[in-house]
C-alpha atoms as a PDB file:
ATOM      1  CA  MET A   1      -9.152   3.711  16.662  1.00  0.00           C
ATOM      2  CA  LEU A   2      -7.834   7.225  14.966  1.00  0.00           C
ATOM      3  CA  GLY A   3      -9.756   8.920  12.443  1.00  0.00           C
ATOM      4  CA  GLN A   4     -13.318  10.138  12.067  1.00  0.00           C
ATOM      5  CA  ILE A   5     -16.461   9.091  10.319  1.00  0.00           C
ATOM      6  CA  VAL A   6     -18.246  11.684   8.441  1.00  0.00           C
ATOM      7  CA  SER A   7     -20.444  11.711   4.844  1.00  0.00           C
ATOM      8  CA  VAL A   8     -18.101  12.696   2.048  1.00  0.00           C
ATOM      9  CA  ARG A   9     -17.751  12.030  -1.762  1.00  0.00           C
ATOM     10  CA  ARG A  10     -16.232   8.636  -2.678  1.00  0.00           C
ATOM     11  CA  VAL A  11     -13.881   8.415  -5.494  1.00  0.00           C
ATOM     12  CA  CYS A  12     -15.294   6.755  -8.644  1.00  0.00           C
ATOM     13  CA  LEU A  13     -12.898   3.768  -8.935  1.00  0.00           C
ATOM     14  CA  LYS A  14     -13.552   3.933 -12.841  1.00  0.00           C
ATOM     15  CA  ASN A  15     -11.337   7.042 -13.334  1.00  0.00           C
ATOM     16  CA  VAL A  16      -9.110   8.762 -10.564  1.00  0.00           C
ATOM     17  CA  GLU A  17      -9.759  12.039 -12.344  1.00  0.00           C
ATOM     18  CA  ARG A  18     -13.731  11.871 -11.866  1.00  0.00           C
ATOM     19  CA  TYR A  19     -15.744  11.572  -8.586  1.00  0.00           C
ATOM     20  CA  LYS A  20     -19.233  10.063  -8.064  1.00  0.00           C
ATOM     21  CA  THR A  21     -21.372  10.519  -4.907  1.00  0.00           C
ATOM     22  CA  TYR A  22     -21.776   7.744  -2.639  1.00  0.00           C
ATOM     23  CA  ASN A  23     -22.822   7.631   1.038  1.00  0.00           C
ATOM     24  CA  TYR A  24     -19.112   7.054   2.019  1.00  0.00           C
ATOM     25  CA  LEU A  25     -17.636   6.992   5.498  1.00  0.00           C
ATOM     26  CA  VAL A  26     -14.224   8.453   5.754  1.00  0.00           C
ATOM     27  CA  PRO A  27     -12.249   5.487   6.989  1.00  0.00           C
ATOM     28  CA  GLU A  28     -11.171   4.420  10.202  1.00  0.00           C
ATOM     29  CA  PHE A  29      -7.228   4.057  10.809  1.00  0.00           C
ATOM     30  CA  THR A  30      -5.591   1.540  13.141  1.00  0.00           C
ATOM     31  CA  ILE A  31      -1.846   2.220  13.681  1.00  0.00           C
ATOM     32  CA  ALA A  32      -0.998  -1.205  14.531  1.00  0.00           C
ATOM     33  CA  GLY A  33       2.735  -0.464  15.142  1.00  0.00           C
ATOM     34  CA  LEU A  34       5.421   1.968  14.318  1.00  0.00           C
ATOM     35  CA  ASN A  35       8.982   2.147  15.097  1.00  0.00           C
ATOM     36  CA  PRO A  36      10.070   0.625  17.460  1.00  0.00           C
ATOM     37  CA  HIS A  37       6.712  -1.342  17.906  1.00  0.00           C
ATOM     38  CA  PHE A  38       7.249  -3.312  14.529  1.00  0.00           C
ATOM     39  CA  VAL A  39       4.609  -6.074  13.949  1.00  0.00           C
ATOM     40  CA  ASP A  40       4.990  -9.720  12.900  1.00  0.00           C
ATOM     41  CA  TYR A  41       3.659 -10.456   9.684  1.00  0.00           C
ATOM     42  CA  ASN A  42       1.409 -13.331  10.927  1.00  0.00           C
ATOM     43  CA  GLU A  43       0.039 -11.292  13.657  1.00  0.00           C
ATOM     44  CA  ALA A  44      -0.943  -8.432  11.512  1.00  0.00           C
ATOM     45  CA  TRP A  45      -2.318 -11.152   9.152  1.00  0.00           C
ATOM     46  CA  LYS A  46      -4.728 -12.201  11.643  1.00  0.00           C
ATOM     47  CA  LEU A  47      -5.638  -8.511  12.584  1.00  0.00           C
ATOM     48  CA  GLN A  48      -6.526  -7.977   8.678  1.00  0.00           C
ATOM     49  CA  ARG A  49      -8.592 -10.954   8.316  1.00  0.00           C
ATOM     50  CA  SER A  50     -10.757 -10.156  11.675  1.00  0.00           C
ATOM     51  CA  ILE A  51     -11.193  -6.470  10.352  1.00  0.00           C
ATOM     52  CA  HIS A  52     -12.044  -7.766   7.051  1.00  0.00           C
ATOM     53  CA  SER A  53     -14.825  -9.939   8.084  1.00  0.00           C
ATOM     54  CA  GLU A  54     -16.231  -7.108  10.151  1.00  0.00           C
ATOM     55  CA  VAL A  55     -16.032  -4.766   7.211  1.00  0.00           C
ATOM     56  CA  ALA A  56     -17.429  -7.050   4.684  1.00  0.00           C
ATOM     57  CA  ALA A  57     -20.343  -7.739   7.009  1.00  0.00           C
ATOM     58  CA  ARG A  58     -21.093  -4.040   7.378  1.00  0.00           C
ATOM     59  CA  VAL A  59     -20.477  -4.210  11.016  1.00  0.00           C
ATOM     60  CA  ARG A  60     -17.482  -2.042  10.986  1.00  0.00           C
ATOM     61  CA  PRO A  61     -16.817   1.197   8.677  1.00  0.00           C
ATOM     62  CA  ASP A  62     -14.064   0.694   6.017  1.00  0.00           C
ATOM     63  CA  THR A  63     -10.765   0.491   7.781  1.00  0.00           C
ATOM     64  CA  VAL A  64      -6.843   1.112   6.993  1.00  0.00           C
ATOM     65  CA  ILE A  65      -4.363  -0.600   8.906  1.00  0.00           C
ATOM     66  CA  LEU A  66      -0.865   1.155   8.845  1.00  0.00           C
ATOM     67  CA  LEU A  67       2.111  -0.408  10.215  1.00  0.00           C
ATOM     68  CA  GLU A  68       5.960  -1.286  10.183  1.00  0.00           C
ATOM     69  CA  HIS A  69       6.420  -4.895   9.893  1.00  0.00           C
ATOM     70  CA  SER A  70       9.396  -6.916  11.240  1.00  0.00           C
ATOM     71  CA  SER A  71      11.880  -8.020   8.415  1.00  0.00           C
ATOM     72  CA  VAL A  72       9.709 -10.555   6.085  1.00  0.00           C
ATOM     73  CA  PHE A  73       9.529 -11.629   2.682  1.00  0.00           C
ATOM     74  CA  THR A  74       6.042 -12.272   1.291  1.00  0.00           C
ATOM     75  CA  ALA A  75       5.188 -13.866  -2.018  1.00  0.00           C
ATOM     76  CA  GLY A  76       2.132 -13.479  -3.882  1.00  0.00           C
ATOM     77  CA  LYS A  77       0.530 -16.155  -6.199  1.00  0.00           C
ATOM     78  CA  ARG A  78       2.145 -15.466  -9.260  1.00  0.00           C
ATOM     79  CA  THR A  79       5.686 -15.858  -7.530  1.00  0.00           C
ATOM     80  CA  GLU A  80       8.186 -18.132  -9.418  1.00  0.00           C
ATOM     81  CA  ASP A  81      11.048 -20.032  -7.493  1.00  0.00           C
ATOM     82  CA  SER A  82      13.560 -18.207  -9.636  1.00  0.00           C
ATOM     83  CA  GLU A  83      12.240 -14.961  -7.865  1.00  0.00           C
ATOM     84  CA  ARG A  84      12.664 -16.167  -4.389  1.00  0.00           C
ATOM     85  CA  PRO A  85      15.752 -15.484  -1.992  1.00  0.00           C
ATOM     86  CA  THR A  86      18.970 -16.609  -3.164  1.00  0.00           C
ATOM     87  CA  ASP A  87      20.134 -17.303   0.375  1.00  0.00           C
ATOM     88  CA  GLY A  88      17.345 -19.791   1.498  1.00  0.00           C
ATOM     89  CA  THR A  89      15.435 -17.088   3.729  1.00  0.00           C
ATOM     90  CA  PRO A  90      12.230 -18.287   4.553  1.00  0.00           C
ATOM     91  CA  VAL A  91       9.042 -16.802   2.784  1.00  0.00           C
ATOM     92  CA  VAL A  92       5.441 -16.449   3.861  1.00  0.00           C
ATOM     93  CA  ASP A  93       3.228 -17.194   0.964  1.00  0.00           C
ATOM     94  CA  VAL A  94       0.253 -14.930   0.838  1.00  0.00           C
ATOM     95  CA  ASP A  95      -3.208 -14.918  -1.170  1.00  0.00           C
ATOM     96  CA  ARG A  96      -2.612 -11.596  -2.756  1.00  0.00           C
ATOM     97  CA  GLY A  97      -2.012 -10.617  -6.498  1.00  0.00           C
ATOM     98  CA  GLY A  98       1.617  -9.860  -7.610  1.00  0.00           C
ATOM     99  CA  LYS A  99       4.753 -11.427  -6.809  1.00  0.00           C
ATOM    100  CA  ILE A 100       7.495 -11.580  -4.047  1.00  0.00           C
ATOM    101  CA  THR A 101       8.484  -8.493  -1.767  1.00  0.00           C
ATOM    102  CA  TRP A 102      10.105  -7.560   1.301  1.00  0.00           C
ATOM    103  CA  HIS A 103       8.290  -5.703   4.505  1.00  0.00           C
ATOM    104  CA  GLY A 104      10.516  -4.376   7.413  1.00  0.00           C
ATOM    105  CA  PRO A 105      11.628  -1.300   9.456  1.00  0.00           C
ATOM    106  CA  GLY A 106      11.314   1.928   7.637  1.00  0.00           C
ATOM    107  CA  GLN A 107       8.823   0.916   5.093  1.00  0.00           C
ATOM    108  CA  LEU A 108       5.210   2.027   5.836  1.00  0.00           C
ATOM    109  CA  VAL A 109       2.765  -0.935   5.017  1.00  0.00           C
ATOM    110  CA  GLY A 110      -1.060   0.048   4.538  1.00  0.00           C
ATOM    111  CA  TYR A 111      -3.848  -2.423   4.493  1.00  0.00           C
ATOM    112  CA  PRO A 112      -6.945  -0.498   3.321  1.00  0.00           C
ATOM    113  CA  ILE A 113      -9.832  -2.770   3.945  1.00  0.00           C
ATOM    114  CA  MET A 114     -13.040  -1.264   2.165  1.00  0.00           C
ATOM    115  CA  VAL A 115     -16.103  -2.206   0.513  1.00  0.00           C
ATOM    116  CA  LEU A 116     -15.814  -1.595  -3.263  1.00  0.00           C
ATOM    117  CA  PRO A 117     -19.028  -0.238  -5.220  1.00  0.00           C
ATOM    118  CA  ASP A 118     -20.665  -2.170  -7.769  1.00  0.00           C
ATOM    119  CA  PRO A 119     -19.582  -2.803 -10.350  1.00  0.00           C
ATOM    120  CA  ILE A 120     -16.315  -3.974  -9.017  1.00  0.00           C
ATOM    121  CA  ASP A 121     -13.255  -2.437 -10.741  1.00  0.00           C
ATOM    122  CA  VAL A 122     -10.026  -4.141  -9.470  1.00  0.00           C
ATOM    123  CA  VAL A 123      -7.863  -2.362 -11.823  1.00  0.00           C
ATOM    124  CA  GLY A 124      -9.623   1.067 -11.067  1.00  0.00           C
ATOM    125  CA  TYR A 125      -9.079   0.463  -7.393  1.00  0.00           C
ATOM    126  CA  VAL A 126      -5.579  -0.031  -7.673  1.00  0.00           C
ATOM    127  CA  ARG A 127      -4.941   2.947 -10.043  1.00  0.00           C
ATOM    128  CA  TRP A 128      -6.831   5.086  -7.273  1.00  0.00           C
ATOM    129  CA  LEU A 129      -4.510   3.580  -4.613  1.00  0.00           C
ATOM    130  CA  GLU A 130      -1.509   4.522  -6.631  1.00  0.00           C
ATOM    131  CA  GLN A 131      -2.779   8.235  -7.082  1.00  0.00           C
ATOM    132  CA  VAL A 132      -3.360   8.292  -3.059  1.00  0.00           C
ATOM    133  CA  LEU A 133       0.405   7.238  -2.922  1.00  0.00           C
ATOM    134  CA  ILE A 134       1.301   9.898  -5.587  1.00  0.00           C
ATOM    135  CA  ASP A 135      -0.459  12.698  -4.033  1.00  0.00           C
ATOM    136  CA  SER A 136       0.780  11.770  -0.696  1.00  0.00           C
ATOM    137  CA  ILE A 137       4.443  11.677  -1.702  1.00  0.00           C
ATOM    138  CA  ALA A 138       3.848  15.030  -3.465  1.00  0.00           C
ATOM    139  CA  GLU A 139       3.421  16.695  -0.052  1.00  0.00           C
ATOM    140  CA  PHE A 140       7.206  15.811   0.759  1.00  0.00           C
ATOM    141  CA  GLY A 141       8.164  17.786  -2.722  1.00  0.00           C
ATOM    142  CA  LEU A 142       8.687  14.479  -4.871  1.00  0.00           C
ATOM    143  CA  VAL A 143       6.877  13.924  -8.311  1.00  0.00           C
ATOM    144  CA  THR A 144       6.369  10.203  -8.741  1.00  0.00           C
ATOM    145  CA  GLU A 145       4.306   8.522 -11.489  1.00  0.00           C
ATOM    146  CA  ARG A 146       2.780   5.306 -12.841  1.00  0.00           C
ATOM    147  CA  VAL A 147       4.568   2.908 -15.347  1.00  0.00           C
ATOM    148  CA  ALA A 148       2.250   1.388 -17.760  1.00  0.00           C
ATOM    149  CA  GLY A 149       1.998  -2.358 -17.430  1.00  0.00           C
ATOM    150  CA  ARG A 150       3.429  -2.152 -14.092  1.00  0.00           C
ATOM    151  CA  SER A 151       1.638  -1.393 -10.665  1.00  0.00           C
ATOM    152  CA  GLY A 152       2.852   0.762  -8.106  1.00  0.00           C
ATOM    153  CA  VAL A 153       4.653   4.140  -7.787  1.00  0.00           C
ATOM    154  CA  TRP A 154       7.803   5.000  -9.480  1.00  0.00           C
ATOM    155  CA  ALA A 155      10.279   7.910  -9.504  1.00  0.00           C
ATOM    156  CA  LYS A 156      12.501   9.052 -12.221  1.00  0.00           C
ATOM    157  CA  THR A 157      16.104   8.982 -11.422  1.00  0.00           C
ATOM    158  CA  GLU A 158      19.510   9.635 -13.233  1.00  0.00           C
ATOM    159  CA  THR A 159      19.583   5.920 -14.037  1.00  0.00           C
ATOM    160  CA  GLY A 160      15.890   5.179 -14.962  1.00  0.00           C
ATOM    161  CA  LEU A 161      12.893   4.872 -13.138  1.00  0.00           C
ATOM    162  CA  GLU A 162      12.836   3.112  -9.725  1.00  0.00           C
ATOM    163  CA  LYS A 163      10.366   1.801  -7.775  1.00  0.00           C
ATOM    164  CA  VAL A 164       9.272   3.589  -4.433  1.00  0.00           C
ATOM    165  CA  ALA A 165       5.884   2.076  -3.476  1.00  0.00           C
ATOM    166  CA  ALA A 166       4.665  -1.543  -4.255  1.00  0.00           C
ATOM    167  CA  ILE A 167       0.919  -2.731  -4.542  1.00  0.00           C
ATOM    168  CA  GLY A 168      -0.676  -6.101  -4.186  1.00  0.00           C
ATOM    169  CA  ILE A 169      -4.037  -6.596  -3.281  1.00  0.00           C
ATOM    170  CA  ARG A 170      -7.037  -9.067  -3.168  1.00  0.00           C
ATOM    171  CA  VAL A 171     -10.660  -8.381  -3.312  1.00  0.00           C
ATOM    172  CA  SER A 172     -12.991 -11.057  -1.170  1.00  0.00           C
ATOM    173  CA  GLU A 173     -16.569 -10.325  -0.711  1.00  0.00           C
ATOM    174  CA  HIS A 174     -16.717  -7.042  -2.279  1.00  0.00           C
ATOM    175  CA  THR A 175     -14.183  -5.903   0.146  1.00  0.00           C
ATOM    176  CA  THR A 176     -10.318  -5.057  -0.339  1.00  0.00           C
ATOM    177  CA  MET A 177      -7.327  -6.670   1.315  1.00  0.00           C
ATOM    178  CA  HIS A 178      -3.782  -6.258   1.584  1.00  0.00           C
ATOM    179  CA  GLY A 179      -2.605  -2.862  -0.044  1.00  0.00           C
ATOM    180  CA  PHE A 180       0.738  -0.921  -0.294  1.00  0.00           C
ATOM    181  CA  ALA A 181       4.176  -0.938   0.846  1.00  0.00           C
ATOM    182  CA  LEU A 182       5.971   2.474   0.556  1.00  0.00           C
ATOM    183  CA  ASN A 183       9.665   2.748   1.110  1.00  0.00           C
ATOM    184  CA  CYS A 184      10.663   5.499   3.732  1.00  0.00           C
ATOM    185  CA  ASN A 185      13.767   5.083   5.180  1.00  0.00           C
ATOM    186  CA  ASN A 186      14.384   1.244   4.943  1.00  0.00           C
ATOM    187  CA  SER A 187      17.542  -0.378   4.040  1.00  0.00           C
ATOM    188  CA  LEU A 188      17.556  -1.615   0.514  1.00  0.00           C
ATOM    189  CA  ASP A 189      19.690  -4.870   1.106  1.00  0.00           C
ATOM    190  CA  PRO A 190      16.694  -7.279   1.357  1.00  0.00           C
ATOM    191  CA  TYR A 191      15.967  -6.558  -2.368  1.00  0.00           C
ATOM    192  CA  ASP A 192      19.580  -7.870  -3.284  1.00  0.00           C
ATOM    193  CA  THR A 193      18.400 -11.525  -2.537  1.00  0.00           C
ATOM    194  CA  ILE A 194      15.116 -11.373  -4.561  1.00  0.00           C
ATOM    195  CA  VAL A 195      13.537 -10.417  -8.017  1.00  0.00           C
ATOM    196  CA  ALA A 196      11.302  -7.796  -6.106  1.00  0.00           C
ATOM    197  CA  CYS A 197       7.737  -7.924  -7.675  1.00  0.00           C
ATOM    198  CA  GLY A 198       9.068 -10.130 -10.351  1.00  0.00           C
ATOM    199  CA  ILE A 199      10.875  -7.091 -12.152  1.00  0.00           C
ATOM    200  CA  ARG A 200      14.175  -7.682 -13.212  1.00  0.00           C
ATOM    201  CA  ASP A 201      15.116  -4.538 -15.248  1.00  0.00           C
ATOM    202  CA  ALA A 202      14.378  -1.803 -12.494  1.00  0.00           C
ATOM    203  CA  LYS A 203      15.701  -0.796  -9.108  1.00  0.00           C
ATOM    204  CA  THR A 204      13.951  -0.092  -5.758  1.00  0.00           C
ATOM    205  CA  THR A 205      14.467   3.152  -3.970  1.00  0.00           C
ATOM    206  CA  THR A 206      13.264   4.908  -0.907  1.00  0.00           C
ATOM    207  CA  LEU A 207      11.859   8.526  -0.292  1.00  0.00           C
ATOM    208  CA  THR A 208      14.922   9.271   1.786  1.00  0.00           C
ATOM    209  CA  LYS A 209      17.324   8.273  -0.866  1.00  0.00           C
ATOM    210  CA  LEU A 210      15.216  10.205  -3.404  1.00  0.00           C
ATOM    211  CA  LEU A 211      14.601  13.452  -1.397  1.00  0.00           C
ATOM    212  CA  GLY A 212      18.052  13.533   0.330  1.00  0.00           C
ATOM    213  CA  LYS A 213      16.368  13.941   4.013  1.00  0.00           C
ATOM    214  CA  THR A 214      14.852  11.332   6.275  1.00  0.00           C
ATOM    215  CA  VAL A 215      11.395  10.637   5.630  1.00  0.00           C
ATOM    216  CA  THR A 216      10.004   8.125   8.274  1.00  0.00           C
ATOM    217  CA  PRO A 217       6.956   5.911   8.186  1.00  0.00           C
ATOM    218  CA  ALA A 218       5.450   7.725  10.960  1.00  0.00           C
ATOM    219  CA  MET A 219       5.778  11.104   8.867  1.00  0.00           C
ATOM    220  CA  ALA A 220       4.341   9.197   5.732  1.00  0.00           C
ATOM    221  CA  ALA A 221       1.445   7.603   7.699  1.00  0.00           C
ATOM    222  CA  GLU A 222       0.433  11.102   8.717  1.00  0.00           C
ATOM    223  CA  VAL A 223       0.335  12.392   5.331  1.00  0.00           C
ATOM    224  CA  ILE A 224      -1.594   9.360   4.046  1.00  0.00           C
ATOM    225  CA  GLN A 225      -4.048   9.632   6.782  1.00  0.00           C
ATOM    226  CA  LYS A 226      -4.739  13.214   5.639  1.00  0.00           C
ATOM    227  CA  LYS A 227      -5.189  12.493   1.933  1.00  0.00           C
ATOM    228  CA  LEU A 228      -7.567   9.526   2.573  1.00  0.00           C
ATOM    229  CA  THR A 229      -9.726  11.773   4.561  1.00  0.00           C
ATOM    230  CA  THR A 230      -9.793  14.533   2.172  1.00  0.00           C
ATOM    231  CA  ILE A 231      -9.348  12.890  -1.432  1.00  0.00           C
ATOM    232  CA  GLY A 232     -13.276  11.942  -1.399  1.00  0.00           C
ATOM    233  CA  LYS A 233     -14.120  15.552  -0.837  1.00  0.00           C
ATOM    234  CA  VAL A 234     -13.049  16.607  -4.295  1.00  0.00           C
ATOM    235  CA  ALA A 235     -16.280  17.422  -6.418  1.00  0.00           C
ATOM    236  CA  ALA A 236     -16.692  16.495  -9.913  1.00  0.00           C
END
């Protein structure tokens, strides 16, 4: 396991700009596989469920799994038939929120498995996770933002807003599952066969395309680990 366990301040999920003190442990990090060691989705799902059961039972600290998947489409509970691949490519149906998306080489996937404080605020958690990504992306010199009514992280381009990170989560036993997918240097071709996240009027992009220089999942993982171990140290 990577990462350290210390006592810090935990983000108040009610508002990402405010902080509230909790007895919070900096999450452990599990690097399940990065290029060239891509992880099959079903294998990662088994790992995620195993860690979730331990975190929910309070026998393991909050844990963040970081990895690159082998190429796969996954569909959240709200996915419509018309949004699935036009070429008949198989899809893994999952129990997270959101709609259909793609995972594969060049994309950093993160599964934060964390116990949420009472009262549970799912929207607040999603906003917090977006902020972690926005702050991490800023380390590469790129300004990104939220879009009202749409989860994820977005960048302004000459043609309009384009999505660079998707978020889809589930909370079970006060503990989060699933998480985010940050496009680093992956191909965008798979998105041509689906309606990504059910959004028909916006494009998907990558950090590499936006910055004009290569940003790999390994590079992004390093920054996100650092961000997640320091964000809670900001005082109110």
